[in-house]
């Protein structure tokens, strides 16, 4: 970024139904620069930016893009499956706290799957949740049992990895 980019207003790019999901009236420079690619393409993205630079909002925008696509198709919004892999339980809990307050308002359920999750509940939660927040270890455990979870692995629409440099 060379400093010439203008910050984009939330109301200018986010569907009116979802504007209330954002705490700020404008996206910051990082978010504004990546807006066209994020909302206008199916490109995979890797964003390397410092802590506190607004990468979580990029994740939220990716989820909103998926919502927008589904709402314009014959596919149900309730069938959306998003997986967020965060490096540790504390970050999973933080994201769960934030997202469980915003995404149910647009019809998406959010669950946290960590080592503390009761194993008898995992399959039910995987089947019913729209957004799954998990640690690398738990995701590894789930995907190693792919025959039991083939329904999940085959229907993940969006995979988000937070703090990828921590994933060993």
Protein backbone atom coordinates (compact mmCIF):
# COMPACT_ATOMS: atom_id res chain seq x y z
CA UNK A 1 0.00 0.00 0.00
CA UNK A 2 1.44 3.33 -0.98
CA UNK A 3 -0.85 5.59 1.03
CA UNK A 4 -3.00 6.71 -1.93
CA UNK A 5 -5.76 4.19 -1.30
CA UNK A 6 -8.95 5.55 0.18
CA UNK A 7 -10.78 3.75 2.91
CA UNK A 8 -13.99 2.19 1.64
CA UNK A 9 -17.27 2.88 3.44
CA UNK A 10 -19.08 -0.22 4.70
CA UNK A 11 -22.43 0.96 3.27
CA UNK A 12 -20.86 1.27 -0.19
CA UNK A 13 -19.87 -2.39 -0.51
CA UNK A 14 -21.87 -4.46 1.99
CA UNK A 15 -25.47 -5.46 1.36
CA UNK A 16 -27.78 -3.40 3.59
CA UNK A 17 -28.86 -6.59 5.42
CA UNK A 18 -25.29 -7.06 6.69
CA UNK A 19 -24.05 -3.52 7.37
CA UNK A 20 -24.90 -3.89 11.07
CA UNK A 21 -22.39 -6.72 11.40
CA UNK A 22 -19.51 -4.26 11.27
CA UNK A 23 -18.52 -2.04 14.18
CA UNK A 24 -16.92 0.62 12.00
CA UNK A 25 -18.32 2.86 9.27
CA UNK A 26 -15.27 2.37 7.03
CA UNK A 27 -12.90 -0.44 6.26
CA UNK A 28 -9.26 0.28 7.03
CA UNK A 29 -6.61 0.62 4.31
CA UNK A 30 -5.68 -3.09 4.29
CA UNK A 31 -9.31 -4.15 4.02
CA UNK A 32 -10.06 -1.49 1.41
CA UNK A 33 -7.15 -2.51 -0.81
CA UNK A 34 -8.21 -6.17 -0.74
CA UNK A 35 -11.94 -5.47 -1.14
CA UNK A 36 -12.24 -6.05 -4.91
CA UNK A 37 -10.34 -9.32 -4.84
CA UNK A 38 -12.13 -10.53 -1.74
CA UNK A 39 -15.67 -9.72 -2.79
CA UNK A 40 -15.32 -10.00 -6.55
CA UNK A 41 -13.34 -13.18 -7.21
CA UNK A 42 -13.05 -16.79 -6.16
CA UNK A 43 -9.29 -16.40 -5.80
CA UNK A 44 -7.55 -17.97 -2.84
CA UNK A 45 -5.82 -15.39 -0.69
CA UNK A 46 -2.93 -15.31 1.71
CA UNK A 47 -2.76 -12.12 3.74
CA UNK A 48 0.38 -11.42 5.74
CA UNK A 49 -0.21 -8.44 7.98
CA UNK A 50 0.55 -7.57 11.60
CA UNK A 51 -1.68 -8.48 14.50
CA UNK A 52 -4.40 -5.87 14.87
CA UNK A 53 -4.40 -4.90 11.19
CA UNK A 54 -7.94 -6.13 10.51
CA UNK A 55 -7.53 -9.63 9.09
CA UNK A 56 -10.56 -10.91 11.03
CA UNK A 57 -12.77 -8.50 9.10
CA UNK A 58 -11.42 -10.06 5.90
CA UNK A 59 -12.65 -13.44 7.18
CA UNK A 60 -16.04 -11.92 7.93
CA UNK A 61 -16.23 -10.40 4.45
CA UNK A 62 -15.40 -13.77 2.89
CA UNK A 63 -18.29 -15.30 4.83
CA UNK A 64 -20.59 -12.49 3.69
CA UNK A 65 -19.56 -13.08 0.08
CA UNK A 66 -20.54 -16.72 0.49
CA UNK A 67 -23.88 -15.64 2.01
CA UNK A 68 -24.48 -13.28 -0.89
CA UNK A 69 -23.71 -15.95 -3.48
CA UNK A 70 -26.01 -18.46 -1.77
CA UNK A 71 -28.84 -15.98 -1.37
CA UNK A 72 -28.79 -15.39 -5.14
CA UNK A 73 -28.82 -19.11 -6.01
CA UNK A 74 -31.13 -22.02 -5.44
CA UNK A 75 -28.84 -23.37 -2.73
CA UNK A 76 -29.91 -22.81 0.86
CA UNK A 77 -28.04 -20.32 3.01
CA UNK A 78 -28.47 -22.82 5.86
CA UNK A 79 -26.27 -25.32 3.99
CA UNK A 80 -23.20 -23.06 4.20
CA UNK A 81 -20.17 -24.69 5.84
CA UNK A 82 -17.24 -22.53 6.91
CA UNK A 83 -14.24 -23.77 8.87
CA UNK A 84 -11.97 -21.36 10.72
CA UNK A 85 -8.76 -22.90 12.02
CA UNK A 86 -7.19 -20.78 14.75
CA UNK A 87 -3.85 -21.72 16.30
CA UNK A 88 -5.02 -22.16 19.88
CA UNK A 89 -8.02 -22.52 22.14
CA UNK A 90 -7.85 -18.91 23.35
CA UNK A 91 -8.20 -17.53 19.82
CA UNK A 92 -11.01 -20.01 19.11
CA UNK A 93 -12.84 -18.79 22.20
CA UNK A 94 -12.32 -15.15 21.26
CA UNK A 95 -13.65 -15.67 17.74
CA UNK A 96 -16.56 -17.76 19.08
CA UNK A 97 -17.51 -14.98 21.48
CA UNK A 98 -17.47 -12.37 18.71
CA UNK A 99 -19.07 -14.41 15.93
CA UNK A 100 -21.78 -16.01 18.06
CA UNK A 101 -23.03 -12.46 18.62
CA UNK A 102 -23.16 -11.45 14.96
CA UNK A 103 -23.69 -14.39 12.60
CA UNK A 104 -26.86 -15.88 14.13
CA UNK A 105 -28.48 -12.57 13.21
CA UNK A 106 -28.05 -13.50 9.54
CA UNK A 107 -29.11 -17.11 10.01
CA UNK A 108 -25.76 -18.80 10.54
CA UNK A 109 -24.96 -20.94 13.56
CA UNK A 110 -21.47 -20.94 15.06
CA UNK A 111 -19.78 -23.71 17.08
CA UNK A 112 -16.39 -24.07 18.69
CA UNK A 113 -14.66 -27.43 18.36
CA UNK A 114 -11.55 -27.78 20.49
CA UNK A 115 -10.05 -30.49 22.65
CA UNK A 116 -12.64 -29.60 25.30
CA UNK A 117 -15.54 -30.46 23.00
CA UNK A 118 -17.45 -33.54 24.13
CA UNK A 119 -16.64 -36.15 21.47
CA UNK A 120 -20.20 -37.48 21.58
CA UNK A 121 -21.40 -34.03 20.42
CA UNK A 122 -18.90 -33.45 17.63
CA UNK A 123 -20.77 -35.21 14.81
CA UNK A 124 -24.06 -33.50 15.67
CA UNK A 125 -22.34 -30.11 15.82
CA UNK A 126 -20.56 -30.74 12.52
CA UNK A 127 -23.81 -31.69 10.84
CA UNK A 128 -25.80 -28.71 12.06
CA UNK A 129 -23.34 -25.82 12.34
CA UNK A 130 -22.65 -23.34 9.58
CA UNK A 131 -19.42 -21.92 10.99
CA UNK A 132 -16.99 -24.18 12.83
CA UNK A 133 -14.15 -22.63 14.77
CA UNK A 134 -11.48 -25.15 15.61
CA UNK A 135 -7.85 -25.72 16.47
CA UNK A 136 -5.44 -27.43 14.07
CA UNK A 137 -5.31 -30.47 16.38
CA UNK A 138 -9.09 -30.89 16.45
CA UNK A 139 -9.41 -30.37 12.69
CA UNK A 140 -6.67 -32.96 12.18
CA UNK A 141 -8.57 -35.39 14.39
CA UNK A 142 -11.82 -34.78 12.51
CA UNK A 143 -10.28 -35.14 9.07
CA UNK A 144 -8.34 -38.27 10.01
CA UNK A 145 -11.73 -39.83 10.63
CA UNK A 146 -12.81 -38.79 7.17
CA UNK A 147 -14.96 -41.86 6.57
CA UNK A 148 -17.09 -40.85 9.55
CA UNK A 149 -17.07 -37.18 8.52
CA UNK A 150 -17.13 -37.44 4.73
CA UNK A 151 -20.32 -35.34 4.68
CA UNK A 152 -18.40 -32.49 6.27
CA UNK A 153 -15.18 -32.68 4.31
CA UNK A 154 -17.06 -32.78 1.03
CA UNK A 155 -19.20 -29.74 1.77
CA UNK A 156 -16.79 -27.16 3.22
CA UNK A 157 -17.45 -24.02 1.23
CA UNK A 158 -14.84 -21.81 2.82
CA UNK A 159 -11.68 -22.62 4.77
CA UNK A 160 -10.17 -19.79 6.78
CA UNK A 161 -6.83 -20.14 8.52
CA UNK A 162 -5.93 -17.59 11.16
CA UNK A 163 -2.29 -17.10 12.10
CA UNK A 164 -1.09 -19.60 9.49
CA UNK A 165 2.53 -19.07 10.56
CA UNK A 166 1.69 -20.77 13.87
CA UNK A 167 0.42 -23.91 12.16
CA UNK A 168 3.28 -26.35 12.18
